[in-house]
Amino acid sequence: KTLEQERLVSFGELSAMHDHILESE
């Protein structure tokens, strides 16, 4: 599943997702 998901997102999108996770915390 991780390999499948990795192909669908960019580094930029993942970085933005991680930023929002920190903001949520």
PDB file of all heavy atoms in Angstrom:
ATOM      1  N   LYS A   1       0.818  -1.213   0.000  1.00  0.00           N
ATOM      2  CA  LYS A   1       0.000   0.000   0.000  1.00  0.00           C
ATOM      3  C   LYS A   1       0.850   1.261   0.000  1.00  0.00           C
ATOM      4  O   LYS A   1       0.510   2.245  -0.660  1.00  0.00           O
ATOM      5  CB  LYS A   1      -0.926  -0.003   1.219  1.00  0.00           C
ATOM      6  CG  LYS A   1      -2.039  -1.007   1.151  1.00  0.00           C
ATOM      7  CD  LYS A   1      -2.940  -0.779  -0.058  1.00  0.00           C
ATOM      8  CE  LYS A   1      -3.606   0.581  -0.057  1.00  0.00           C
ATOM      9  NZ  LYS A   1      -4.500   0.781  -1.222  1.00  0.00           N
ATOM     10  N   THR A   2       1.954   1.238   0.726  1.00  0.00           N
ATOM     11  CA  THR A   2       2.824   2.415   0.766  1.00  0.00           C
ATOM     12  C   THR A   2       3.428   2.684  -0.612  1.00  0.00           C
ATOM     13  O   THR A   2       3.506   3.843  -1.054  1.00  0.00           O
ATOM     14  CB  THR A   2       3.934   2.218   1.816  1.00  0.00           C
ATOM     15  OG1 THR A   2       3.330   2.034   3.107  1.00  0.00           O
ATOM     16  CG2 THR A   2       4.858   3.422   1.874  1.00  0.00           C
ATOM     17  N   LEU A   3       3.838   1.649  -1.309  1.00  0.00           N
ATOM     18  CA  LEU A   3       4.387   1.813  -2.658  1.00  0.00           C
ATOM     19  C   LEU A   3       3.323   2.333  -3.618  1.00  0.00           C
ATOM     20  O   LEU A   3       3.612   3.169  -4.485  1.00  0.00           O
ATOM     21  CB  LEU A   3       4.950   0.481  -3.158  1.00  0.00           C
ATOM     22  CG  LEU A   3       6.210  -0.021  -2.449  1.00  0.00           C
ATOM     23  CD1 LEU A   3       6.551  -1.439  -2.904  1.00  0.00           C
ATOM     24  CD2 LEU A   3       7.393   0.912  -2.698  1.00  0.00           C
ATOM     25  N   GLU A   4       2.096   1.856  -3.460  1.00  0.00           N
ATOM     26  CA  GLU A   4       1.006   2.329  -4.320  1.00  0.00           C
ATOM     27  C   GLU A   4       0.739   3.818  -4.088  1.00  0.00           C
ATOM     28  O   GLU A   4       0.581   4.595  -5.037  1.00  0.00           O
ATOM     29  CB  GLU A   4      -0.276   1.536  -4.032  1.00  0.00           C
ATOM     30  CG  GLU A   4      -0.247   0.095  -4.517  1.00  0.00           C
ATOM     31  CD  GLU A   4      -1.502  -0.659  -4.108  1.00  0.00           C
ATOM     32  OE1 GLU A   4      -2.413  -0.028  -3.514  1.00  0.00           O
ATOM     33  OE2 GLU A   4      -1.582  -1.874  -4.379  1.00  0.00           O
ATOM     34  N   GLN A   5       0.691   4.219  -2.822  1.00  0.00           N
ATOM     35  CA  GLN A   5       0.397   5.613  -2.503  1.00  0.00           C
ATOM     36  C   GLN A   5       1.531   6.546  -2.912  1.00  0.00           C
ATOM     37  O   GLN A   5       1.285   7.671  -3.352  1.00  0.00           O
ATOM     38  CB  GLN A   5       0.118   5.742  -0.999  1.00  0.00           C
ATOM     39  CG  GLN A   5      -1.170   5.071  -0.561  1.00  0.00           C
ATOM     40  CD  GLN A   5      -1.365   5.094   0.940  1.00  0.00           C
ATOM     41  OE1 GLN A   5      -0.438   5.436   1.692  1.00  0.00           O
ATOM     42  NE2 GLN A   5      -2.554   4.732   1.409  1.00  0.00           N
ATOM     43  N   GLU A   6       2.765   6.070  -2.761  1.00  0.00           N
ATOM     44  CA  GLU A   6       3.925   6.917  -3.077  1.00  0.00           C
ATOM     45  C   GLU A   6       3.905   7.393  -4.516  1.00  0.00           C
ATOM     46  O   GLU A   6       4.307   8.521  -4.827  1.00  0.00           O
ATOM     47  CB  GLU A   6       5.206   6.130  -2.777  1.00  0.00           C
ATOM     48  CG  GLU A   6       6.493   6.859  -3.115  1.00  0.00           C
ATOM     49  CD  GLU A   6       6.930   6.652  -4.557  1.00  0.00           C
ATOM     50  OE1 GLU A   6       6.632   5.578  -5.107  1.00  0.00           O
ATOM     51  OE2 GLU A   6       7.558   7.584  -5.126  1.00  0.00           O
ATOM     52  N   ARG A   7       3.415   6.571  -5.413  1.00  0.00           N
ATOM     53  CA  ARG A   7       3.402   6.919  -6.836  1.00  0.00           C
ATOM     54  C   ARG A   7       2.404   8.016  -7.166  1.00  0.00           C
ATOM     55  O   ARG A   7       2.492   8.631  -8.224  1.00  0.00           O
ATOM     56  CB  ARG A   7       3.081   5.674  -7.675  1.00  0.00           C
ATOM     57  CG  ARG A   7       4.193   4.625  -7.688  1.00  0.00           C
ATOM     58  CD  ARG A   7       3.946   3.571  -8.750  1.00  0.00           C
ATOM     59  NE  ARG A   7       2.835   2.705  -8.407  1.00  0.00           N
ATOM     60  CZ  ARG A   7       2.946   1.556  -7.749  1.00  0.00           C
ATOM     61  NH1 ARG A   7       4.153   1.141  -7.352  1.00  0.00           N
ATOM     62  NH2 ARG A   7       1.886   0.812  -7.477  1.00  0.00           N
ATOM     63  N   LEU A   8       1.482   8.301  -6.256  1.00  0.00           N
ATOM     64  CA  LEU A   8       0.383   9.218  -6.550  1.00  0.00           C
ATOM     65  C   LEU A   8       0.575  10.627  -6.001  1.00  0.00           C
ATOM     66  O   LEU A   8      -0.247  11.504  -6.260  1.00  0.00           O
ATOM     67  CB  LEU A   8      -0.926   8.638  -5.992  1.00  0.00           C
ATOM     68  CG  LEU A   8      -1.346   7.271  -6.552  1.00  0.00           C
ATOM     69  CD1 LEU A   8      -2.580   6.761  -5.813  1.00  0.00           C
ATOM     70  CD2 LEU A   8      -1.624   7.367  -8.047  1.00  0.00           C
ATOM     71  N   VAL A   9       1.640  10.842  -5.222  1.00  0.00           N
ATOM     72  CA  VAL A   9       1.851  12.157  -4.611  1.00  0.00           C
ATOM     73  C   VAL A   9       3.277  12.640  -4.840  1.00  0.00           C
ATOM     74  O   VAL A   9       4.197  11.850  -5.018  1.00  0.00           O
ATOM     75  CB  VAL A   9       1.563  12.121  -3.093  1.00  0.00           C
ATOM     76  CG1 VAL A   9       0.072  12.013  -2.823  1.00  0.00           C
ATOM     77  CG2 VAL A   9       2.294  10.963  -2.425  1.00  0.00           C
ATOM     78  N   SER A  10       3.415  13.956  -4.824  1.00  0.00           N
ATOM     79  CA  SER A  10       4.737  14.562  -5.009  1.00  0.00           C
ATOM     80  C   SER A  10       5.371  14.886  -3.666  1.00  0.00           C
ATOM     81  O   SER A  10       4.694  14.879  -2.619  1.00  0.00           O
ATOM     82  CB  SER A  10       4.600  15.848  -5.825  1.00  0.00           C
ATOM     83  OG  SER A  10       3.898  16.836  -5.074  1.00  0.00           O
ATOM     84  N   PHE A  11       6.672  15.200  -3.688  1.00  0.00           N
ATOM     85  CA  PHE A  11       7.361  15.626  -2.471  1.00  0.00           C
ATOM     86  C   PHE A  11       6.697  16.871  -1.890  1.00  0.00           C
ATOM     87  O   PHE A  11       6.513  16.999  -0.680  1.00  0.00           O
ATOM     88  CB  PHE A  11       8.829  15.928  -2.775  1.00  0.00           C
ATOM     89  CG  PHE A  11       9.755  14.792  -2.435  1.00  0.00           C
ATOM     90  CD1 PHE A  11      10.651  14.315  -3.380  1.00  0.00           C
ATOM     91  CD2 PHE A  11       9.749  14.206  -1.182  1.00  0.00           C
ATOM     92  CE1 PHE A  11      11.512  13.268  -3.080  1.00  0.00           C
ATOM     93  CE2 PHE A  11      10.605  13.162  -0.871  1.00  0.00           C
ATOM     94  CZ  PHE A  11      11.487  12.697  -1.829  1.00  0.00           C
ATOM     95  N   GLY A  12       6.354  17.809  -2.784  1.00  0.00           N
ATOM     96  CA  GLY A  12       5.740  19.051  -2.330  1.00  0.00           C
ATOM     97  C   GLY A  12       4.425  18.812  -1.617  1.00  0.00           C
ATOM     98  O   GLY A  12       4.137  19.433  -0.573  1.00  0.00           O
ATOM     99  N   GLU A  13       3.610  17.920  -2.163  1.00  0.00           N
ATOM    100  CA  GLU A  13       2.325  17.609  -1.548  1.00  0.00           C
ATOM    101  C   GLU A  13       2.514  16.918  -0.197  1.00  0.00           C
ATOM    102  O   GLU A  13       1.820  17.226   0.775  1.00  0.00           O
ATOM    103  CB  GLU A  13       1.508  16.732  -2.490  1.00  0.00           C
ATOM    104  CG  GLU A  13       0.998  17.486  -3.719  1.00  0.00           C
ATOM    105  CD  GLU A  13       0.416  16.562  -4.774  1.00  0.00           C
ATOM    106  OE1 GLU A  13       0.842  15.387  -4.841  1.00  0.00           O
ATOM    107  OE2 GLU A  13      -0.445  17.026  -5.546  1.00  0.00           O
ATOM    108  N   LEU A  14       3.470  15.998  -0.115  1.00  0.00           N
ATOM    109  CA  LEU A  14       3.743  15.311   1.145  1.00  0.00           C
ATOM    110  C   LEU A  14       4.254  16.281   2.205  1.00  0.00           C
ATOM    111  O   LEU A  14       3.883  16.190   3.379  1.00  0.00           O
ATOM    112  CB  LEU A  14       4.751  14.185   0.923  1.00  0.00           C
ATOM    113  CG  LEU A  14       4.223  12.964   0.165  1.00  0.00           C
ATOM    114  CD1 LEU A  14       5.377  12.036  -0.221  1.00  0.00           C
ATOM    115  CD2 LEU A  14       3.200  12.209   1.004  1.00  0.00           C
ATOM    116  N   SER A  15       5.110  17.214   1.793  1.00  0.00           N
ATOM    117  CA  SER A  15       5.634  18.209   2.729  1.00  0.00           C
ATOM    118  C   SER A  15       4.506  19.083   3.276  1.00  0.00           C
ATOM    119  O   SER A  15       4.447  19.368   4.484  1.00  0.00           O
ATOM    120  CB  SER A  15       6.681  19.078   2.033  1.00  0.00           C
ATOM    121  OG  SER A  15       7.162  20.089   2.907  1.00  0.00           O
ATOM    122  N   ALA A  16       3.591  19.487   2.391  1.00  0.00           N
ATOM    123  CA  ALA A  16       2.459  20.309   2.826  1.00  0.00           C
ATOM    124  C   ALA A  16       1.551  19.514   3.765  1.00  0.00           C
ATOM    125  O   ALA A  16       1.040  20.050   4.766  1.00  0.00           O
ATOM    126  CB  ALA A  16       1.678  20.787   1.610  1.00  0.00           C
ATOM    127  N   MET A  17       1.352  18.228   3.480  1.00  0.00           N
ATOM    128  CA  MET A  17       0.549  17.374   4.353  1.00  0.00           C
ATOM    129  C   MET A  17       1.165  17.307   5.743  1.00  0.00           C
ATOM    130  O   MET A  17       0.471  17.404   6.765  1.00  0.00           O
ATOM    131  CB  MET A  17       0.426  15.981   3.741  1.00  0.00           C
ATOM    132  CG  MET A  17      -0.437  15.919   2.490  1.00  0.00           C
ATOM    133  SD  MET A  17      -0.250  14.375   1.555  1.00  0.00           S
ATOM    134  CE  MET A  17      -1.038  13.203   2.657  1.00  0.00           C
ATOM    135  N   HIS A  18       2.494  17.144   5.784  1.00  0.00           N
ATOM    136  CA  HIS A  18       3.174  17.045   7.076  1.00  0.00           C
ATOM    137  C   HIS A  18       3.066  18.350   7.854  1.00  0.00           C
ATOM    138  O   HIS A  18       2.886  18.341   9.083  1.00  0.00           O
ATOM    139  CB  HIS A  18       4.644  16.677   6.861  1.00  0.00           C
ATOM    140  CG  HIS A  18       5.357  16.300   8.121  1.00  0.00           C
ATOM    141  ND1 HIS A  18       6.199  17.175   8.786  1.00  0.00           N
ATOM    142  CD2 HIS A  18       5.323  15.165   8.864  1.00  0.00           C
ATOM    143  CE1 HIS A  18       6.669  16.588   9.863  1.00  0.00           C
ATOM    144  NE2 HIS A  18       6.162  15.373   9.945  1.00  0.00           N
ATOM    145  N   ASP A  19       3.146  19.477   7.154  1.00  0.00           N
ATOM    146  CA  ASP A  19       2.995  20.770   7.825  1.00  0.00           C
ATOM    147  C   ASP A  19       1.619  20.890   8.475  1.00  0.00           C
ATOM    148  O   ASP A  19       1.486  21.378   9.606  1.00  0.00           O
ATOM    149  CB  ASP A  19       3.197  21.914   6.825  1.00  0.00           C
ATOM    150  CG  ASP A  19       4.654  22.069   6.412  1.00  0.00           C
ATOM    151  OD1 ASP A  19       5.537  21.532   7.104  1.00  0.00           O
ATOM    152  OD2 ASP A  19       4.900  22.725   5.380  1.00  0.00           O
ATOM    153  N   HIS A  20       0.599  20.450   7.772  1.00  0.00           N
ATOM    154  CA  HIS A  20      -0.762  20.521   8.318  1.00  0.00           C
ATOM    155  C   HIS A  20      -0.935  19.590   9.511  1.00  0.00           C
ATOM    156  O   HIS A  20      -1.691  19.891  10.443  1.00  0.00           O
ATOM    157  CB  HIS A  20      -1.787  20.178   7.234  1.00  0.00           C
ATOM    158  CG  HIS A  20      -2.058  21.309   6.279  1.00  0.00           C
ATOM    159  ND1 HIS A  20      -2.510  22.540   6.705  1.00  0.00           N
ATOM    160  CD2 HIS A  20      -1.933  21.388   4.928  1.00  0.00           C
ATOM    161  CE1 HIS A  20      -2.665  23.339   5.653  1.00  0.00           C
ATOM    162  NE2 HIS A  20      -2.310  22.669   4.561  1.00  0.00           N
ATOM    163  N   ILE A  21      -0.246  18.456   9.506  1.00  0.00           N
ATOM    164  CA  ILE A  21      -0.298  17.538  10.649  1.00  0.00           C
ATOM    165  C   ILE A  21       0.274  18.222  11.897  1.00  0.00           C
ATOM    166  O   ILE A  21      -0.292  18.131  12.987  1.00  0.00           O
ATOM    167  CB  ILE A  21       0.480  16.249  10.334  1.00  0.00           C
ATOM    168  CG1 ILE A  21      -0.286  15.421   9.283  1.00  0.00           C
ATOM    169  CG2 ILE A  21       0.685  15.411  11.595  1.00  0.00           C
ATOM    170  CD1 ILE A  21       0.523  14.274   8.707  1.00  0.00           C
ATOM    171  N   LEU A  22       1.393  18.923  11.732  1.00  0.00           N
ATOM    172  CA  LEU A  22       1.991  19.647  12.860  1.00  0.00           C
ATOM    173  C   LEU A  22       1.071  20.762  13.349  1.00  0.00           C
ATOM    174  O   LEU A  22       0.930  20.987  14.554  1.00  0.00           O
ATOM    175  CB  LEU A  22       3.350  20.224  12.446  1.00  0.00           C
ATOM    176  CG  LEU A  22       4.439  19.207  12.082  1.00  0.00           C
ATOM    177  CD1 LEU A  22       5.716  19.921  11.653  1.00  0.00           C
ATOM    178  CD2 LEU A  22       4.727  18.275  13.255  1.00  0.00           C
ATOM    179  N   GLU A  23       0.426  21.463  12.411  1.00  0.00           N
ATOM    180  CA  GLU A  23      -0.506  22.524  12.786  1.00  0.00           C
ATOM    181  C   GLU A  23      -1.694  21.957  13.555  1.00  0.00           C
ATOM    182  O   GLU A  23      -2.190  22.577  14.505  1.00  0.00           O
ATOM    183  CB  GLU A  23      -0.990  23.249  11.526  1.00  0.00           C
ATOM    184  CG  GLU A  23       0.091  24.083  10.842  1.00  0.00           C
ATOM    185  CD  GLU A  23      -0.322  24.558   9.463  1.00  0.00           C
ATOM    186  OE1 GLU A  23      -1.491  24.297   9.071  1.00  0.00           O
ATOM    187  OE2 GLU A  23       0.498  25.183   8.771  1.00  0.00           O
ATOM    188  N   SER A  24      -2.149  20.779  13.151  1.00  0.00           N
ATOM    189  CA  SER A  24      -3.257  20.130  13.854  1.00  0.00           C
ATOM    190  C   SER A  24      -2.875  19.813  15.295  1.00  0.00           C
ATOM    191  O   SER A  24      -3.674  20.003  16.226  1.00  0.00           O
ATOM    192  CB  SER A  24      -3.651  18.840  13.113  1.00  0.00           C
ATOM    193  OG  SER A  24      -4.668  18.149  13.802  1.00  0.00           O
ATOM    194  N   GLU A  25      -1.652  19.337  15.491  1.00  0.00           N
ATOM    195  CA  GLU A  25      -1.173  19.024  16.840  1.00  0.00           C
ATOM    196  C   GLU A  25      -1.121  20.282  17.699  1.00  0.00           C
ATOM    197  O   GLU A  25      -1.503  20.252  18.873  1.00  0.00           O
ATOM    198  CB  GLU A  25       0.210  18.385  16.756  1.00  0.00           C
ATOM    199  CG  GLU A  25       0.755  17.927  18.094  1.00  0.00           C
ATOM    200  CD  GLU A  25       2.108  17.254  17.967  1.00  0.00           C
ATOM    201  OE1 GLU A  25       2.447  16.804  16.851  1.00  0.00           O
ATOM    202  OE2 GLU A  25       2.821  17.174  18.977  1.00  0.00           O
TER     203      GLU A  25
END
